[in-house]
Amino acid sequence: YGQVVKLSATSIVGKGLLLGIGDIVLVVSKKTPIQTYAMVIALEEEFFFLSAFSHVEGIRSGDYIYMLDRGMHIKVGKELLGRVVDPMMKPLDFKPAPKLNQKVPIMRSPIAPMKRGLISKLMPTGVKSIDGLLTFGVGQKMGIFAGSGVGKSTLLSMIVKGAKAPIKVVALIGERGREIPEFIENNLGGDLTNTIIIVATSDDSALMRKYGAFCAMAVAEYFKSLGEDVLFVMDSVTRFAMAQREIGLSLGEPPTTKGYPPSVFALLPQLMERAGNEKGSGSISAFFTILIEGDDMNDPVADQARSILDGHIVLSRELTDFGIYPPVDVLSSASRLVGDLCDNEQMMLGINTGKEKIAVKQIAGLVARRIVCEPNSGEQAVKGERYGLIKFGSRLDIYLPKSAAIKVQIGDKVVAGE
């Protein structure tokens, strides 16, 4: 065993063991029953630096350090479905611990470029503004960018509830503890049939918040290896980056923009690039939320995430003032794969609004045709007549009310006379 030689609020310094970066140890107090798991995060001469998975109160200089594992692993299995667990797969829902029999590493290389499959199949999310205006494909990585209180978590819950995916893995990183039961009961209706929720709340240690995201991705990869199409959603990348900032600064890394050390920007692609299609296996389709501090889209974390992801959904605080939910700013949002997933005929929507009106934002002098009638399947559009069709891709911002129903589905053909 080794011994603790120095202690701070965020790290433990020890000596006496031959360890490597990422190794897992157990720190045991000599005089009290306190013990904590920790990970090696840095080495210097004969000393090693540890970051604890829990709080370090009660640990003293001279306490014992025992080597446990070379690299961090977790146990996974199908019994995780329907459960709420922490990053170590310990249950948080007061149910018996799931019986897990397969051990997997949490840190893996992303899918090799030539092993990636093309993204050619749509994944309906159940959110009209995404399915109709942006599109999302199986294996795609999409970011949801918004300021505080605009509705990122609410939109994410709508996607989890409405998406047509056989397996859903939800990572709630750095969230308030109050929001966890709200997310499950109010937003998901308590239905976790094919869903796994991994939770690391804001009061957990920085290491637990950081590796909570990687543990959740490892769970998604396990189901992908079984040939499943997995939906992975994470809230939020910003708090994940803040956890790494806390760890990096405690090790003496130089701060860059907004205090983020370089390791933060190296870590983001290591997580996000693990999503995608893999030839001969299943897929991981991912949504990541990014908190925009001060509604600044040039925030360093947001800028880096936008460069890695396959698209971005921007939520507008202005739209919430008009009662438009989810407040997707269509003109500021983009899906990099919309051209691959849709053709012109598939980008036509027929809208049935009932008594509600469609809000049309005029851009560059263009005006959308108002809804006059609903063409039925098989009817021929006559030149000069106005139909309830709007072709998206023109510079018009269309906001769909909650009662709007998409009448033309993917695969239907709509041929107009002009």
Protein backbone atom coordinates (compact mmCIF):
# COMPACT_ATOMS: atom_id res chain seq x y z
CA TYR A 1 0.00 0.00 0.00
CA GLY A 2 0.92 3.66 -0.37
CA GLN A 3 0.32 6.63 1.89
CA VAL A 4 -1.23 10.09 1.73
CA VAL A 5 1.45 12.79 2.00
CA LYS A 6 -0.53 15.92 1.09
CA LEU A 7 -4.18 16.88 0.86
CA SER A 8 -6.18 19.76 -0.62
CA ALA A 9 -9.87 20.44 -1.17
CA THR A 10 -9.73 18.99 -4.68
CA SER A 11 -6.84 16.50 -4.77
CA ILE A 12 -4.81 13.99 -2.76
CA VAL A 13 -1.04 13.50 -3.13
CA GLY A 14 0.37 10.08 -2.31
CA LYS A 15 3.52 7.99 -2.72
CA GLY A 16 4.68 4.39 -2.32
CA LEU A 17 2.88 2.73 -5.26
CA LEU A 18 3.71 2.20 -8.95
CA LEU A 19 0.66 3.67 -10.66
CA GLY A 20 -0.36 5.01 -14.06
CA ILE A 21 -2.76 7.70 -15.23
CA GLY A 22 -6.35 6.48 -14.91
CA ASP A 23 -5.66 3.78 -12.30
CA ILE A 24 -8.26 3.38 -9.55
CA VAL A 25 -7.26 3.31 -5.86
CA LEU A 26 -8.99 3.13 -2.48
CA VAL A 27 -7.99 5.65 0.20
CA VAL A 28 -8.65 4.29 3.71
CA SER A 29 -8.49 6.35 6.91
CA LYS A 30 -6.37 4.91 9.73
CA LYS A 31 -8.47 6.21 12.62
CA THR A 32 -11.99 6.44 11.22
CA PRO A 33 -14.18 4.17 9.05
CA ILE A 34 -13.99 6.72 6.21
CA GLN A 35 -12.81 5.48 2.81
CA THR A 36 -13.05 6.90 -0.68
CA TYR A 37 -12.35 5.76 -4.23
CA ALA A 38 -10.03 7.93 -6.30
CA MET A 39 -8.35 8.05 -9.70
CA VAL A 40 -4.75 8.86 -10.60
CA ILE A 41 -4.81 12.05 -12.66
CA ALA A 42 -1.13 13.09 -12.65
CA LEU A 43 2.35 11.78 -11.80
CA GLU A 44 5.45 13.69 -10.67
CA GLU A 45 8.65 11.86 -9.69
CA GLU A 46 7.71 9.43 -6.90
CA PHE A 47 4.43 11.22 -6.14
CA PHE A 48 1.00 10.60 -7.68
CA PHE A 49 -1.96 12.96 -7.65
CA LEU A 50 -5.45 11.62 -7.00
CA SER A 51 -8.91 13.04 -7.60
CA ALA A 52 -11.58 11.52 -5.36
CA PHE A 53 -14.97 10.27 -6.55
CA SER A 54 -16.50 11.53 -3.30
CA HIS A 55 -15.62 14.25 -0.82
CA VAL A 56 -12.25 14.07 0.99
CA GLU A 57 -13.37 15.23 4.43
CA GLY A 58 -11.95 12.89 7.09
CA ILE A 59 -8.90 11.83 5.06
CA ARG A 60 -5.57 12.68 6.76
CA SER A 61 -1.88 12.62 5.96
CA GLY A 62 -0.51 9.10 6.48
CA ASP A 63 -3.75 7.29 5.56
CA TYR A 64 -3.44 4.14 3.43
CA ILE A 65 -3.82 3.96 -0.36
CA TYR A 66 -4.58 0.59 -2.00
CA MET A 67 -4.32 -0.20 -5.72
CA LEU A 68 -7.63 -1.56 -7.13
CA ASP A 69 -7.73 -1.51 -10.94
CA ARG A 70 -5.63 -0.59 -13.97
CA GLY A 71 -7.91 1.91 -15.65
CA MET A 72 -11.55 2.57 -14.80
CA HIS A 73 -14.13 -0.10 -15.63
CA ILE A 74 -17.84 -0.49 -14.91
CA LYS A 75 -20.16 -3.46 -15.07
CA VAL A 76 -23.03 -3.33 -17.55
CA GLY A 77 -25.92 -5.52 -18.61
CA LYS A 78 -29.50 -5.57 -19.86
CA GLU A 79 -30.80 -5.27 -16.28
CA LEU A 80 -29.87 -1.58 -16.40
CA LEU A 81 -32.97 -0.93 -18.54
CA GLY A 82 -35.58 0.99 -16.58
CA ARG A 83 -33.13 1.96 -13.83
CA VAL A 84 -31.73 5.19 -12.39
CA VAL A 85 -28.07 4.74 -11.38
CA ASP A 86 -24.96 6.74 -10.55
CA PRO A 87 -21.83 6.57 -12.75
CA MET A 88 -20.60 3.54 -10.78
CA MET A 89 -23.89 1.76 -11.67
CA LYS A 90 -25.10 1.90 -8.06
CA PRO A 91 -28.91 2.22 -7.90
CA LEU A 92 -30.47 5.57 -6.97
CA ASP A 93 -34.08 4.40 -7.28
CA PHE A 94 -34.17 2.40 -4.02
CA LYS A 95 -34.51 -0.87 -5.93
CA PRO A 96 -32.20 -3.90 -5.61
CA ALA A 97 -28.85 -3.55 -7.35
CA PRO A 98 -29.02 -4.81 -10.95
CA LYS A 99 -27.15 -8.04 -11.71
CA LEU A 100 -24.46 -6.97 -14.16
CA ASN A 101 -22.02 -9.48 -15.56
CA GLN A 102 -19.98 -7.72 -18.25
CA LYS A 103 -17.07 -5.44 -17.41
CA VAL A 104 -16.23 -2.66 -19.87
CA PRO A 105 -13.69 0.20 -19.84
CA ILE A 106 -15.16 3.68 -19.73
CA MET A 107 -12.38 5.24 -21.81
CA ARG A 108 -12.24 3.97 -25.38
CA SER A 109 -11.06 5.27 -28.71
CA PRO A 110 -13.80 6.72 -30.93
CA ILE A 111 -15.01 4.72 -33.94
CA ALA A 112 -12.28 4.52 -36.60
CA PRO A 113 -13.13 6.71 -39.62
CA MET A 114 -13.27 3.82 -42.12
CA LYS A 115 -15.44 1.74 -39.78
CA ARG A 116 -18.14 4.39 -39.66
CA GLY A 117 -21.31 3.76 -41.62
CA LEU A 118 -23.04 6.47 -43.63
CA ILE A 119 -25.93 8.31 -42.00
CA SER A 120 -28.80 7.70 -44.41
CA LYS A 121 -31.78 6.76 -42.22
CA LEU A 122 -34.05 9.23 -40.45
CA MET A 123 -34.76 8.96 -36.72
CA PRO A 124 -38.08 10.68 -35.82
CA THR A 125 -37.75 12.58 -32.54
CA GLY A 126 -41.44 13.37 -32.02
CA VAL A 127 -40.63 17.11 -31.99
CA LYS A 128 -42.24 18.73 -35.07
CA SER A 129 -39.80 21.60 -35.41
CA ILE A 130 -36.86 19.16 -35.51
CA ASP A 131 -38.43 16.47 -37.69
CA GLY A 132 -40.00 18.93 -40.11
CA LEU A 133 -37.41 21.68 -40.39
CA LEU A 134 -34.02 20.28 -39.40
CA THR A 135 -34.17 16.44 -39.54
CA PHE A 136 -32.14 14.03 -37.43
CA GLY A 137 -30.56 10.82 -38.67
CA VAL A 138 -29.61 7.51 -37.06
CA GLY A 139 -25.99 7.94 -35.93
CA GLN A 140 -26.03 11.75 -36.01
CA LYS A 141 -24.64 14.00 -33.24
CA MET A 142 -26.73 17.11 -32.59
CA GLY A 143 -26.25 19.94 -30.09
CA ILE A 144 -28.98 21.94 -28.34
CA PHE A 145 -27.61 25.44 -27.58
CA ALA A 146 -29.42 27.86 -25.26
CA GLY A 147 -29.04 30.22 -22.36
CA SER A 148 -30.22 29.43 -18.86
CA GLY A 149 -33.96 28.93 -18.35
CA VAL A 150 -34.87 28.79 -22.05
CA GLY A 151 -35.92 25.15 -22.14
CA LYS A 152 -32.99 22.86 -23.00
CA SER A 153 -33.93 20.18 -20.48
CA THR A 154 -37.61 20.36 -21.46
CA LEU A 155 -36.79 19.88 -25.14
CA LEU A 156 -34.46 17.02 -24.26
CA SER A 157 -37.23 15.29 -22.31
CA MET A 158 -39.58 15.71 -25.31
CA ILE A 159 -36.99 13.99 -27.49
CA VAL A 160 -36.49 11.13 -25.01
CA LYS A 161 -40.24 10.63 -24.76
CA GLY A 162 -41.03 10.89 -28.48
CA ALA A 163 -37.99 9.42 -30.25
CA LYS A 164 -38.39 6.10 -32.05
CA ALA A 165 -35.36 4.35 -30.54
CA PRO A 166 -35.28 0.86 -28.97
CA ILE A 167 -32.75 1.88 -26.28
CA LYS A 168 -32.37 5.32 -24.67
CA VAL A 169 -29.46 6.32 -22.42
CA VAL A 170 -29.83 9.62 -20.54
CA ALA A 171 -26.84 11.27 -18.83
CA LEU A 172 -27.79 14.03 -16.39
CA ILE A 173 -24.48 15.67 -15.49
CA GLY A 174 -24.18 18.49 -12.97
CA GLU A 175 -27.94 18.99 -12.68
CA ARG A 176 -29.79 20.04 -9.53
CA GLY A 177 -31.00 17.05 -7.52
CA ARG A 178 -34.55 18.46 -7.57
CA GLU A 179 -34.67 18.14 -11.37
CA ILE A 180 -34.08 14.38 -11.48
CA PRO A 181 -37.51 13.24 -10.17
CA GLU A 182 -39.15 16.08 -12.14
CA PHE A 183 -37.49 14.84 -15.34
CA ILE A 184 -38.66 11.27 -14.73
CA GLU A 185 -42.18 11.82 -13.38
CA ASN A 186 -43.33 15.05 -15.04
CA ASN A 187 -41.51 14.95 -18.37
CA LEU A 188 -41.27 11.22 -19.05
CA GLY A 189 -44.47 10.27 -17.22
CA GLY A 190 -42.53 7.77 -15.10
CA ASP A 191 -42.10 5.43 -18.08
CA LEU A 192 -38.52 4.11 -18.15
CA THR A 193 -39.29 0.87 -20.01
CA ASN A 194 -36.39 1.10 -22.47
CA THR A 195 -34.49 3.93 -20.77
CA ILE A 196 -31.41 4.09 -18.53
CA ILE A 197 -30.71 7.27 -16.57
CA ILE A 198 -27.18 7.93 -15.26
CA VAL A 199 -27.04 10.77 -12.73
CA ALA A 200 -24.16 12.85 -11.37
CA THR A 201 -25.64 15.87 -9.61
CA SER A 202 -24.03 19.26 -9.02
CA ASP A 203 -23.06 18.31 -5.44
CA ASP A 204 -21.01 15.30 -6.63
CA SER A 205 -17.25 15.61 -6.99
CA ALA A 206 -15.74 17.02 -10.17
CA LEU A 207 -14.36 13.58 -11.05
CA MET A 208 -17.80 11.97 -10.70
CA ARG A 209 -19.34 14.65 -12.93
CA LYS A 210 -16.60 14.26 -15.53
CA TYR A 211 -16.65 10.47 -15.72
CA GLY A 212 -20.43 10.29 -15.40
CA ALA A 213 -20.57 11.29 -19.07
CA PHE A 214 -18.01 8.67 -20.10
CA CYS A 215 -19.75 5.96 -18.04
CA ALA A 216 -23.06 6.76 -19.75
CA MET A 217 -21.37 6.58 -23.16
CA ALA A 218 -19.84 3.20 -22.20
CA VAL A 219 -23.35 1.92 -21.39
CA ALA A 220 -24.59 3.14 -24.78
CA GLU A 221 -21.64 1.41 -26.48
CA TYR A 222 -22.52 -1.87 -24.75
CA PHE A 223 -26.01 -1.85 -26.29
CA LYS A 224 -24.57 -0.70 -29.63
CA SER A 225 -22.32 -3.79 -29.58
CA LEU A 226 -25.50 -5.90 -29.35
CA GLY A 227 -26.67 -4.40 -32.64
CA GLU A 228 -29.12 -1.89 -31.12
CA ASP A 229 -29.80 1.64 -32.36
CA VAL A 230 -29.23 3.66 -29.19
CA LEU A 231 -30.38 7.23 -28.50
CA PHE A 232 -27.88 8.95 -26.18
CA VAL A 233 -28.84 12.29 -24.62
CA MET A 234 -26.68 14.34 -22.26
CA ASP A 235 -27.50 17.39 -20.17
CA SER A 236 -25.17 19.18 -20.10
CA VAL A 237 -21.80 19.43 -21.86
CA THR A 238 -21.09 22.77 -20.19
CA ARG A 239 -21.19 21.30 -16.67
CA PHE A 240 -19.04 18.41 -17.89
CA ALA A 241 -16.51 21.00 -19.13
CA MET A 242 -16.72 22.88 -15.83
CA ALA A 243 -15.86 19.67 -13.96
CA GLN A 244 -12.75 19.18 -16.11
CA ARG A 245 -11.88 22.86 -15.61
CA GLU A 246 -11.96 22.30 -11.85
CA ILE A 247 -9.70 19.24 -12.16
CA GLY A 248 -7.31 20.85 -14.64
CA LEU A 249 -6.81 24.07 -12.67
CA SER A 250 -6.16 22.07 -9.47
CA LEU A 251 -3.27 20.37 -11.33
CA GLY A 252 -1.79 23.70 -12.39
CA GLU A 253 -2.91 23.72 -16.03
CA PRO A 254 -2.80 27.22 -17.55
CA PRO A 255 -6.25 28.81 -17.94
CA THR A 256 -7.32 29.98 -21.39
CA THR A 257 -10.58 31.65 -22.48
CA LYS A 258 -13.03 31.95 -19.56
CA GLY A 259 -10.63 29.98 -17.37
CA TYR A 260 -10.93 26.71 -19.31
CA PRO A 261 -7.63 24.78 -19.48
CA PRO A 262 -6.53 23.11 -22.75
CA SER A 263 -7.56 19.65 -21.48
CA VAL A 264 -11.25 20.66 -21.71
CA PHE A 265 -11.06 21.15 -25.47
CA ALA A 266 -9.13 17.90 -25.91
CA LEU A 267 -11.75 15.99 -23.91
CA LEU A 268 -14.86 17.08 -25.86
CA PRO A 269 -14.09 15.16 -29.09
CA GLN A 270 -13.04 12.10 -27.04
CA LEU A 271 -16.62 11.95 -25.75
CA MET A 272 -18.65 13.17 -28.72
CA GLU A 273 -16.85 11.20 -31.45
CA ARG A 274 -17.80 7.92 -29.77
CA ALA A 275 -21.32 8.40 -31.14
CA GLY A 276 -22.16 7.32 -34.68
CA ASN A 277 -22.85 4.33 -36.92
CA GLU A 278 -20.38 1.45 -36.84
CA LYS A 279 -20.23 -1.11 -39.64
CA GLY A 280 -21.21 -4.57 -38.42
CA SER A 281 -22.65 -3.15 -35.19
CA GLY A 282 -25.46 -0.87 -34.04
CA SER A 283 -25.46 2.90 -33.76
CA ILE A 284 -25.44 5.71 -31.20
CA SER A 285 -27.46 8.81 -32.11
CA ALA A 286 -26.74 11.66 -29.70
CA PHE A 287 -28.18 14.93 -28.44
CA PHE A 288 -25.95 17.13 -26.25
CA THR A 289 -27.16 20.28 -24.51
CA ILE A 290 -24.76 23.22 -24.24
CA LEU A 291 -25.44 26.10 -21.84
CA ILE A 292 -24.61 29.43 -23.49
CA GLU A 293 -23.36 31.77 -20.76
CA GLY A 294 -24.83 35.21 -21.32
CA ASP A 295 -26.51 33.95 -24.54
CA ASP A 296 -23.10 34.26 -26.24
CA MET A 297 -22.87 31.76 -29.12
CA ASN A 298 -19.12 32.44 -29.25
CA ASP A 299 -18.66 30.88 -25.81
CA PRO A 300 -15.51 28.69 -26.08
CA VAL A 301 -17.24 25.43 -25.11
CA ALA A 302 -20.15 26.13 -27.48
CA ASP A 303 -17.78 27.04 -30.30
CA GLN A 304 -15.75 23.85 -29.86
CA ALA A 305 -18.86 21.67 -29.57
CA ARG A 306 -20.39 23.22 -32.70
CA SER A 307 -17.27 22.32 -34.68
CA ILE A 308 -17.47 18.66 -33.59
CA LEU A 309 -21.21 18.02 -33.91
CA ASP A 310 -23.24 17.24 -37.03
CA GLY A 311 -25.71 20.05 -36.40
CA HIS A 312 -26.96 22.54 -33.85
CA ILE A 313 -30.39 23.52 -32.56
CA VAL A 314 -30.47 27.05 -31.16
CA LEU A 315 -33.18 27.97 -28.66
CA SER A 316 -34.23 31.62 -28.65
CA ARG A 317 -35.12 33.56 -25.52
CA GLU A 318 -37.07 35.96 -27.76
CA LEU A 319 -39.45 33.19 -28.86
CA THR A 320 -40.27 32.26 -25.26
CA ASP A 321 -41.57 35.83 -24.80
CA PHE A 322 -44.22 35.00 -27.42
CA GLY A 323 -45.11 31.72 -25.73
CA ILE A 324 -43.58 29.58 -28.48
CA TYR A 325 -42.33 26.24 -27.12
CA PRO A 326 -40.00 24.62 -27.88
CA PRO A 327 -38.42 27.95 -28.89
CA VAL A 328 -36.32 26.61 -31.79
CA ASP A 329 -34.74 29.44 -33.78
CA VAL A 330 -34.91 27.72 -37.16
CA LEU A 331 -32.82 30.25 -39.10
CA SER A 332 -29.96 30.03 -36.59
CA SER A 333 -30.15 26.23 -36.42
CA ALA A 334 -28.75 23.76 -38.91
CA SER A 335 -28.43 20.05 -39.57
CA ARG A 336 -25.34 19.22 -41.62
CA LEU A 337 -27.05 16.12 -43.00
CA VAL A 338 -30.39 17.58 -44.09
CA GLY A 339 -29.35 17.39 -47.76
CA ASP A 340 -28.40 13.72 -47.40
CA LEU A 341 -31.53 12.72 -45.50
CA CYS A 342 -34.17 14.66 -47.47
CA ASP A 343 -34.93 15.55 -51.06
CA ASN A 344 -37.10 18.44 -52.25
CA GLU A 345 -40.32 16.43 -52.17
CA GLN A 346 -39.65 15.28 -48.62
CA MET A 347 -39.05 18.86 -47.50
CA MET A 348 -42.69 19.81 -48.17
CA LEU A 349 -45.08 19.93 -45.24
CA GLY A 350 -48.87 20.16 -45.20
CA ILE A 351 -50.00 21.77 -41.98
CA ASN A 352 -53.40 21.41 -40.29
CA THR A 353 -53.61 24.07 -37.60
CA GLY A 354 -57.24 24.04 -36.50
CA LYS A 355 -58.09 27.50 -35.17
CA GLU A 356 -54.51 28.45 -34.28
CA LYS A 357 -52.43 30.57 -36.59
CA ILE A 358 -48.95 29.93 -37.89
CA ALA A 359 -46.42 32.57 -36.90
CA VAL A 360 -44.35 33.53 -39.94
CA LYS A 361 -41.28 35.68 -39.50
CA GLN A 362 -40.60 37.76 -42.62
CA ILE A 363 -36.98 37.64 -43.78
CA ALA A 364 -35.54 39.72 -46.65
CA GLY A 365 -38.99 40.72 -47.92
CA LEU A 366 -40.27 37.19 -48.51
CA VAL A 367 -43.81 36.35 -47.41
CA ALA A 368 -45.22 32.84 -46.99
CA ARG A 369 -48.50 31.91 -48.71
CA ARG A 370 -51.30 31.66 -46.20
CA ILE A 371 -53.02 28.34 -45.64
CA VAL A 372 -56.13 28.13 -47.87
CA CYS A 373 -57.00 24.46 -48.16
CA GLU A 374 -55.72 20.98 -47.39
CA PRO A 375 -54.81 18.88 -50.44
CA ASN A 376 -55.74 15.26 -50.00
CA SER A 377 -53.73 12.28 -51.17
CA GLY A 378 -54.21 11.80 -54.93
CA GLU A 379 -55.45 15.34 -55.66
CA GLN A 380 -53.65 17.36 -58.31
CA ALA A 381 -52.38 20.82 -57.52
CA VAL A 382 -53.51 23.40 -60.10
CA LYS A 383 -51.30 26.27 -61.11
CA GLY A 384 -52.40 29.53 -59.54
CA GLU A 385 -54.31 27.98 -56.65
CA ARG A 386 -53.09 28.36 -53.09
CA TYR A 387 -52.59 25.20 -51.12
CA GLY A 388 -51.69 24.50 -47.52
CA LEU A 389 -48.10 23.76 -48.40
CA ILE A 390 -44.92 25.56 -47.49
CA LYS A 391 -41.58 24.62 -48.97
CA PHE A 392 -38.88 24.89 -46.33
CA GLY A 393 -35.45 25.97 -47.34
CA SER A 394 -36.60 29.43 -48.39
CA ARG A 395 -35.69 32.27 -46.06
CA LEU A 396 -38.79 32.03 -43.94
CA ASP A 397 -38.97 31.25 -40.25
CA ILE A 398 -42.08 29.14 -39.57
CA TYR A 399 -43.27 28.44 -36.03
CA LEU A 400 -45.66 25.52 -35.70
CA PRO A 401 -48.31 25.64 -32.94
CA LYS A 402 -48.68 22.60 -30.69
CA SER A 403 -51.84 21.51 -32.54
CA ALA A 404 -50.08 21.44 -35.93
CA ALA A 405 -50.21 18.03 -37.59
CA ILE A 406 -47.79 17.01 -40.32
CA LYS A 407 -50.04 15.74 -43.13
CA VAL A 408 -47.35 14.79 -45.65
CA GLN A 409 -45.08 12.05 -44.35
CA ILE A 410 -41.66 10.99 -45.54
CA GLY A 411 -42.08 9.04 -48.78
CA ASP A 412 -45.25 10.85 -49.91
CA LYS A 413 -44.95 12.85 -53.11
CA VAL A 414 -46.46 16.30 -53.49
CA VAL A 415 -46.47 17.69 -57.03
CA ALA A 416 -47.64 21.27 -57.54
CA GLY A 417 -48.52 23.01 -60.77
CA GLU A 418 -45.85 25.65 -60.30
